[in-house]
Structure formats: structure tokens, C-alpha cells
Amino acid sequence: MTHLKKILLGEQGLVVIFAVAFVIVSLTVPNFLSERNMLGLLQSVVTIGIIACTMMFCLASRDFDLSVGSTVAFSGMVAVMASNVSGSILVGLLAAVLCGAIVGTINGVVIARFRINALITTLATMQIVRGFALIASDGRAVGINDPGFYQLALSRFLGIPTPIWVMGLFFIVFGFVLNRTVFGKNTLAIGGNPEASRLAGVDVARMRIWIFALQGIVCAVAGVLLASRITSGQPNAATGLELSVISACVLGGVSLAGGRAAMTGVIVGVLIMGIAENVMNLLNIQAFYQYVVRGLILLLAVLLDNLRSVAGRQRV
């Protein structure tokens, strides 16, 4: 029993849980393993998966960002509106990335330089940015004029939709950044002990600003892909996305107390979130129940994080 507990709470524990759950679902849910459903499952978690790459860094450095859903919606709106006005998809993409970077940088500066709590700061920007999206669109969806914009989400490479490739690329890049670069090591060091990191020569404030700026840029990329997939700029898109992303990260072993993160765990956490929703859709379970399931997954994620922290302290 003790050995089983060590496995479940260790680095490989989530992979074991995921593997068992995947086998059970594959054997009990009709059409789950079909190619069409697998691609649909991966497409459904693209937004969560992309944003989880940088939310992992926020959480690992003892911060978090509640404004990601609003930034995704706002960036998608900006991309569509700028593209319509300029007649250039590239201009729309650049405008969206710029807006995302500005939102993220503002979050980082307020939190790092003015020392305002991340909860309050990102809760405020969540409301402000969502408000800007509603004001800019007058509360209505904005249609896409250039059919080429749709191809960002509809195009395929080797039979796999482009957004899935983008998500996979982000997993690889940010996994490398976390494990193989000074930036990643400093992020984990800040989460482990900010004061010790500062004394060791790490510019903690600048690091936190960069992390939030990256978060904003990644949200913009996700927002553009989402707008392309839903064929319009929606000011109310991605509502509640922040909770799903945080749930996936914490479920994947990223510590809310900071200092611990692994990209493999985040990937598994994202897939667990997607599989839970996908199975309910295949079983024709009402969408209302998905809120209950998301809440339970978030609660489970926090519980596992607490158990891991307790187990870690006991080993020390």
C-alpha cells in the first residue's frame, strides 16, 4: 500500500492514472478510439494546451493568471477586426500578438514592480480586457471577411489539423525552455525561494514580467486559432478558460506553492481534461454536468498537489 501511494504521488503517478483511465474509457465508450474522435479530442484541447505551456511558468514562479480567457477573446477579436480593416491576415495576427503582449506585460509590471497580489491584478485585468472586447464589438460577434483566415484552423498537414501541430510545437519548445535553459531553471528557483534567488543574482522582478509577457503572447496565438475555428471574433469566447488551464497544470504536477513543474505532466493533465469532456459528449451527457466535472477535477488537482507537497516534506 505504501509503495502504491509512492507511485501515485510520484512523478510517474499521473502517467499511471492516465494510462489506466485511457484503457478503461477505450474499452467502455463506443467510438472513442476512432480517428475522427481522436482528432476531435486533440482539437478540443488546443486552446487549453497552448495556454497551459506558459501558465506552467506562472504557477512554477508562485504566480497565476486569471486573465487568460479574456485575453484570448480580446486577441481573437483584434485579429479579426484588424484583418478586416487592413485586408491583411498578417496584420491581424501581428495586432493580436501585440495586444496580448501588452496585456501580459501590464500584468507583470503591476505584480512585479508595484507588488500587487497576482490574484487581484489578474482578476482586475480579466474584467478590463473582457470589457474592451465587448466595447470594441458592441457586444456582438465580428464576422471574418477574408476566407483565408479560416484556413488557420481548417488547414491540415499530414492529415492532422494545423492547430494540433501548433500545440505540439509549443509543448516541445516550452518543455525545452523549462528543462534546458537558464530561464526555466530561474523560474523554478524563484518559485522555490524568491529571496534566495534574488541573493543569487536573479532579477526576480524582470523574470516575472517576462513570464507574464510570454503568457499574453501565447494567449494571443490561442485567441487567433480559436477565432479561426469558430469563424468569428467572439467577445464572450473562452469564458472560464483560466480555471480549466490551472486545473490541467495542477493536475499535471505543477505546484501551486511554486518551484515544481514538468511539461510531461502538464500534457497529461491537459489530455485528462479533454478526455473527461469528450467522454461526456460521446455518452450524450448534458453539457450542464460538465461544470460539475470541471469543478471536481479542479478539487482533485488541488488535493493531489497538497498530498504531493506533504509527501515531499516528509521525504525531506
Protein backbone atom coordinates (compact mmCIF):
# COMPACT_ATOMS: atom_id res chain seq x y z
CA MET A 1 0.00 0.00 0.00
CA THR A 2 2.83 2.40 0.84
CA HIS A 3 4.58 1.51 -2.41
CA LEU A 4 1.37 2.20 -4.38
CA LYS A 5 0.99 5.55 -2.64
CA LYS A 6 4.57 6.50 -3.56
CA ILE A 7 3.89 5.64 -7.20
CA LEU A 8 0.65 7.64 -7.36
CA LEU A 9 2.17 10.69 -5.70
CA GLY A 10 5.49 10.47 -7.53
CA GLU A 11 6.48 11.84 -10.94
CA GLN A 12 5.13 8.76 -12.72
CA GLY A 13 1.89 8.64 -10.75
CA LEU A 14 -0.16 10.82 -13.09
CA VAL A 15 1.01 8.85 -16.13
CA VAL A 16 -0.14 5.62 -14.44
CA ILE A 17 -3.53 7.13 -13.61
CA PHE A 18 -3.90 8.47 -17.16
CA ALA A 19 -2.93 5.13 -18.74
CA VAL A 20 -5.45 3.20 -16.61
CA ALA A 21 -8.21 5.74 -17.30
CA PHE A 22 -7.44 5.72 -21.04
CA VAL A 23 -7.67 1.92 -21.23
CA ILE A 24 -10.95 1.85 -19.29
CA VAL A 25 -12.50 4.57 -21.45
CA SER A 26 -11.27 2.90 -24.66
CA LEU A 27 -12.94 -0.39 -23.68
CA THR A 28 -16.22 1.06 -22.41
CA VAL A 29 -17.04 4.11 -24.55
CA PRO A 30 -18.12 3.42 -28.16
CA ASN A 31 -16.16 5.17 -30.95
CA PHE A 32 -13.67 6.67 -28.51
CA LEU A 33 -10.63 5.32 -30.38
CA SER A 34 -11.88 6.28 -33.83
CA GLU A 35 -9.57 8.55 -35.82
CA ARG A 36 -12.27 11.20 -36.12
CA ASN A 37 -12.83 11.28 -32.35
CA MET A 38 -9.12 11.31 -31.52
CA LEU A 39 -8.53 14.30 -33.80
CA GLY A 40 -11.62 15.99 -32.40
CA LEU A 41 -10.37 15.36 -28.86
CA LEU A 42 -6.97 16.89 -29.62
CA GLN A 43 -8.57 19.89 -31.34
CA SER A 44 -10.84 20.47 -28.35
CA VAL A 45 -7.83 20.87 -26.02
CA VAL A 46 -5.72 23.08 -28.31
CA THR A 47 -6.62 26.31 -26.51
CA ILE A 48 -6.10 24.83 -23.04
CA GLY A 49 -2.92 23.05 -24.11
CA ILE A 50 -1.28 26.10 -25.68
CA ILE A 51 -2.01 28.38 -22.72
CA ALA A 52 -1.00 25.72 -20.19
CA CYS A 53 2.55 25.94 -21.57
CA THR A 54 3.02 29.41 -20.08
CA MET A 55 0.59 29.07 -17.18
CA MET A 56 3.01 26.36 -16.05
CA PHE A 57 5.72 29.03 -15.73
CA CYS A 58 3.37 31.40 -13.87
CA LEU A 59 2.43 28.74 -11.33
CA ALA A 60 6.00 27.49 -11.01
CA SER A 61 7.10 31.02 -10.07
CA ARG A 62 4.35 31.30 -7.41
CA ASP A 63 2.02 33.40 -9.57
CA PHE A 64 -1.05 32.69 -11.67
CA ASP A 65 -3.05 34.49 -14.33
CA LEU A 66 -6.84 34.74 -14.21
CA SER A 67 -6.99 37.00 -17.26
CA VAL A 68 -6.09 34.38 -19.87
CA GLY A 69 -9.68 33.74 -21.00
CA SER A 70 -10.36 37.43 -21.53
CA THR A 71 -7.03 37.88 -23.32
CA VAL A 72 -7.85 35.00 -25.67
CA ALA A 73 -11.23 36.52 -26.53
CA PHE A 74 -9.83 40.05 -26.92
CA SER A 75 -6.89 38.91 -29.06
CA GLY A 76 -9.21 36.93 -31.32
CA MET A 77 -11.43 39.99 -31.70
CA VAL A 78 -8.44 42.21 -32.51
CA ALA A 79 -7.11 39.72 -35.08
CA VAL A 80 -10.44 39.56 -36.92
CA MET A 81 -11.12 43.33 -36.78
CA ALA A 82 -7.58 44.32 -37.82
CA SER A 83 -7.64 41.75 -40.61
CA ASN A 84 -11.00 43.05 -41.87
CA VAL A 85 -9.88 46.69 -41.80
CA SER A 86 -6.43 46.18 -43.35
CA GLY A 87 -7.32 43.37 -45.71
CA SER A 88 -4.26 41.51 -44.46
CA ILE A 89 -4.34 38.41 -42.27
CA LEU A 90 -0.72 39.03 -41.27
CA VAL A 91 -1.60 42.48 -39.92
CA GLY A 92 -4.41 40.90 -37.90
CA LEU A 93 -2.03 38.31 -36.45
CA LEU A 94 0.59 40.91 -35.52
CA ALA A 95 -2.04 43.18 -33.96
CA ALA A 96 -3.35 40.30 -31.85
CA VAL A 97 0.13 39.30 -30.66
CA LEU A 98 0.93 42.92 -29.81
CA CYS A 99 -2.27 43.29 -27.76
CA GLY A 100 -1.60 40.02 -25.95
CA ALA A 101 1.95 41.10 -25.17
CA ILE A 102 0.72 44.46 -23.83
CA VAL A 103 -1.84 42.82 -21.52
CA GLY A 104 0.73 40.32 -20.25
CA THR A 105 3.38 42.98 -19.71
CA ILE A 106 0.95 45.19 -17.80
CA ASN A 107 0.11 42.24 -15.56
CA GLY A 108 3.79 41.54 -14.98
CA VAL A 109 4.74 45.15 -14.25
CA VAL A 110 1.88 45.69 -11.80
CA ILE A 111 2.63 42.43 -9.99
CA ALA A 112 6.44 42.59 -10.02
CA ARG A 113 7.16 46.31 -9.79
CA PHE A 114 4.17 47.57 -7.80
CA ARG A 115 3.98 44.37 -5.73
CA ILE A 116 0.23 43.96 -6.15
CA ASN A 117 -1.11 40.47 -5.49
CA ALA A 118 -1.43 38.36 -8.67
CA LEU A 119 -4.99 37.36 -7.76
CA ILE A 120 -6.18 40.98 -7.54
CA THR A 121 -4.17 42.17 -10.55
CA THR A 122 -5.25 39.46 -12.98
CA LEU A 123 -8.82 39.49 -11.66
CA ALA A 124 -8.92 43.22 -12.50
CA THR A 125 -7.38 42.79 -15.96
CA MET A 126 -9.73 39.87 -16.61
CA GLN A 127 -12.67 42.27 -16.23
CA ILE A 128 -10.99 45.18 -18.03
CA VAL A 129 -9.87 43.19 -21.07
CA ARG A 130 -13.23 41.42 -21.38
CA GLY A 131 -14.85 44.84 -21.21
CA PHE A 132 -12.62 46.12 -24.04
CA ALA A 133 -13.63 43.12 -26.16
CA LEU A 134 -17.32 43.84 -25.58
CA ILE A 135 -16.90 47.58 -26.21
CA ALA A 136 -14.92 47.08 -29.43
CA SER A 137 -17.54 44.71 -30.85
CA ASP A 138 -20.59 46.37 -29.29
CA GLY A 139 -21.23 43.03 -27.61
CA ARG A 140 -21.71 41.17 -30.90
CA ALA A 141 -19.68 38.62 -32.83
CA VAL A 142 -17.50 40.05 -35.60
CA GLY A 143 -17.54 38.12 -38.87
CA ILE A 144 -14.42 37.29 -40.87
CA ASN A 145 -14.18 38.91 -44.32
CA ASP A 146 -11.19 37.01 -45.69
CA PRO A 147 -11.87 33.26 -46.20
CA GLY A 148 -8.13 32.69 -45.86
CA PHE A 149 -8.46 33.39 -42.14
CA TYR A 150 -10.44 30.16 -41.77
CA GLN A 151 -7.50 28.17 -43.09
CA LEU A 152 -5.51 28.89 -39.93
CA ALA A 153 -7.71 26.32 -38.19
CA LEU A 154 -9.02 24.26 -41.12
CA SER A 155 -5.73 23.53 -42.89
CA ARG A 156 -4.03 20.17 -42.37
CA PHE A 157 -0.51 18.80 -42.53
CA LEU A 158 -0.09 15.03 -42.96
CA GLY A 159 -3.80 14.69 -42.28
CA ILE A 160 -3.60 16.40 -38.88
CA PRO A 161 -5.18 19.84 -38.32
CA THR A 162 -2.66 22.68 -38.08
CA PRO A 163 -3.73 23.82 -34.57
CA ILE A 164 -2.75 20.41 -33.19
CA TRP A 165 0.72 20.81 -34.74
CA VAL A 166 0.96 24.28 -33.19
CA MET A 167 0.06 22.86 -29.77
CA GLY A 168 2.64 20.09 -30.16
CA LEU A 169 5.29 22.62 -31.15
CA PHE A 170 4.50 24.73 -28.08
CA PHE A 171 4.81 21.64 -25.86
CA ILE A 172 8.26 20.91 -27.29
CA VAL A 173 9.54 24.49 -27.18
CA PHE A 174 8.37 25.32 -23.67
CA GLY A 175 9.38 21.90 -22.39
CA PHE A 176 12.89 22.63 -23.67
CA VAL A 177 12.81 26.13 -22.14
CA LEU A 178 11.77 24.72 -18.76
CA ASN A 179 14.32 21.92 -18.62
CA ARG A 180 17.29 23.12 -20.67
CA THR A 181 17.58 26.88 -20.31
CA VAL A 182 18.60 29.35 -17.62
CA PHE A 183 15.16 30.95 -17.95
CA GLY A 184 13.46 27.71 -16.94
CA LYS A 185 15.84 26.98 -14.09
CA ASN A 186 15.45 30.53 -12.76
CA THR A 187 11.68 30.20 -12.92
CA LEU A 188 11.76 27.10 -10.73
CA ALA A 189 14.31 28.74 -8.41
CA ILE A 190 12.07 31.80 -7.95
CA GLY A 191 9.13 29.54 -7.14
CA GLY A 192 11.20 27.58 -4.68
CA ASN A 193 12.63 30.61 -2.84
CA PRO A 194 12.32 34.13 -4.34
CA GLU A 195 14.62 35.76 -1.78
CA ALA A 196 17.38 33.18 -2.22
CA SER A 197 17.09 33.61 -5.99
CA ARG A 198 17.46 37.38 -5.65
CA LEU A 199 20.53 36.99 -3.46
CA ALA A 200 21.97 34.57 -6.03
CA GLY A 201 21.80 37.32 -8.67
CA VAL A 202 18.49 36.54 -10.39
CA ASP A 203 16.47 39.64 -11.37
CA VAL A 204 13.22 38.30 -9.94
CA ALA A 205 11.05 41.25 -11.00
CA ARG A 206 12.26 41.14 -14.60
CA MET A 207 11.76 37.38 -14.76
CA ARG A 208 8.18 37.69 -13.57
CA ILE A 209 7.46 40.42 -16.14
CA TRP A 210 8.86 38.22 -18.92
CA ILE A 211 6.77 35.26 -17.78
CA PHE A 212 3.55 37.29 -17.89
CA ALA A 213 4.52 38.86 -21.23
CA LEU A 214 5.01 35.37 -22.67
CA GLN A 215 1.66 34.38 -21.19
CA GLY A 216 0.00 37.24 -23.05
CA ILE A 217 1.68 36.40 -26.36
CA VAL A 218 0.69 32.74 -26.10
CA CYS A 219 -2.90 33.74 -25.26
CA ALA A 220 -2.92 35.83 -28.44
CA VAL A 221 -1.84 32.85 -30.54
CA ALA A 222 -4.54 30.72 -28.93
CA GLY A 223 -7.09 33.50 -29.49
CA VAL A 224 -6.31 33.73 -33.21
CA LEU A 225 -6.65 29.96 -33.66
CA LEU A 226 -9.89 29.93 -31.67
CA ALA A 227 -11.37 32.79 -33.73
CA SER A 228 -10.45 30.95 -36.91
CA ARG A 229 -12.03 27.73 -35.62
CA ILE A 230 -15.32 29.35 -34.55
CA THR A 231 -15.26 31.51 -37.74
CA SER A 232 -15.69 34.85 -35.95
CA GLY A 233 -14.36 37.09 -33.23
CA GLN A 234 -16.47 36.38 -30.15
CA PRO A 235 -16.23 38.84 -27.22
CA ASN A 236 -17.64 36.19 -24.86
CA ALA A 237 -15.32 33.40 -26.03
CA ALA A 238 -13.15 31.42 -23.61
CA THR A 239 -15.22 32.25 -20.53
CA GLY A 240 -13.93 30.19 -17.59
CA LEU A 241 -10.87 29.08 -19.56
CA GLU A 242 -8.50 30.15 -16.77
CA LEU A 243 -9.89 27.55 -14.36
CA SER A 244 -9.55 24.75 -16.91
CA VAL A 245 -5.94 25.72 -17.66
CA ILE A 246 -4.98 25.97 -13.99
CA SER A 247 -6.71 22.64 -13.31
CA ALA A 248 -4.75 20.95 -16.11
CA CYS A 249 -1.44 22.36 -14.85
CA VAL A 250 -2.00 21.47 -11.19
CA LEU A 251 -3.37 18.05 -12.14
CA GLY A 252 -0.15 17.64 -14.14
CA GLY A 253 2.02 18.16 -11.08
CA VAL A 254 2.72 21.90 -11.23
CA SER A 255 2.80 23.05 -7.62
CA LEU A 256 0.59 25.94 -6.51
CA ALA A 257 3.32 26.72 -3.98
CA GLY A 258 5.83 27.14 -6.82
CA GLY A 259 9.15 25.50 -7.60
CA ARG A 260 7.85 22.33 -9.25
CA ALA A 261 6.74 21.76 -12.86
CA ALA A 262 7.11 19.20 -15.65
CA MET A 263 5.90 19.50 -19.22
CA THR A 264 5.06 15.80 -19.50
CA GLY A 265 2.74 16.14 -16.51
CA VAL A 266 1.08 19.23 -18.00
CA ILE A 267 0.45 17.37 -21.27
CA VAL A 268 -1.18 14.51 -19.39
CA GLY A 269 -3.22 16.97 -17.33
CA VAL A 270 -4.47 18.67 -20.50
CA LEU A 271 -5.42 15.32 -22.03
CA ILE A 272 -7.29 14.26 -18.89
CA MET A 273 -9.35 17.47 -19.06
CA GLY A 274 -10.09 16.81 -22.73
CA ILE A 275 -10.96 13.15 -22.27
CA ALA A 276 -13.41 13.93 -19.45
CA GLU A 277 -15.32 16.36 -21.68
CA ASN A 278 -15.05 14.12 -24.74
CA VAL A 279 -16.45 11.09 -22.95
CA MET A 280 -19.42 13.07 -21.68
CA ASN A 281 -20.14 14.23 -25.22
CA LEU A 282 -19.90 10.69 -26.61
CA LEU A 283 -22.27 9.44 -23.90
CA ASN A 284 -24.70 12.30 -24.63
CA ILE A 285 -24.46 13.65 -21.10
CA GLN A 286 -25.91 17.15 -20.77
CA ALA A 287 -23.41 19.99 -21.00
CA PHE A 288 -24.53 21.31 -17.60
CA TYR A 289 -22.83 18.36 -15.93
CA GLN A 290 -19.51 19.42 -17.44
CA TYR A 291 -19.36 22.29 -14.94
CA VAL A 292 -19.66 19.78 -12.10
CA VAL A 293 -16.95 17.58 -13.60
CA ARG A 294 -14.59 20.55 -14.14
CA GLY A 295 -15.11 21.59 -10.52
CA LEU A 296 -14.41 18.07 -9.28
CA ILE A 297 -11.26 17.86 -11.42
CA LEU A 298 -10.04 21.19 -10.01
CA LEU A 299 -10.72 19.96 -6.47
CA LEU A 300 -8.90 16.69 -7.22
CA ALA A 301 -5.97 18.61 -8.69
CA VAL A 302 -5.60 20.77 -5.58
CA LEU A 303 -5.92 17.71 -3.34
CA LEU A 304 -3.19 15.88 -5.27
CA ASP A 305 -0.98 18.98 -5.11
CA ASN A 306 -1.43 19.09 -1.33
CA LEU A 307 -0.65 15.37 -0.97
CA ARG A 308 2.48 15.75 -3.13
CA SER A 309 3.64 18.68 -1.01
CA VAL A 310 3.11 16.74 2.22
CA ALA A 311 4.91 13.70 0.77
CA GLY A 312 7.79 15.93 -0.34
CA ARG A 313 8.17 17.46 3.12
CA GLN A 314 8.14 14.03 4.72
CA ARG A 315 10.94 12.84 2.40
CA VAL A 316 12.98 15.89 3.38
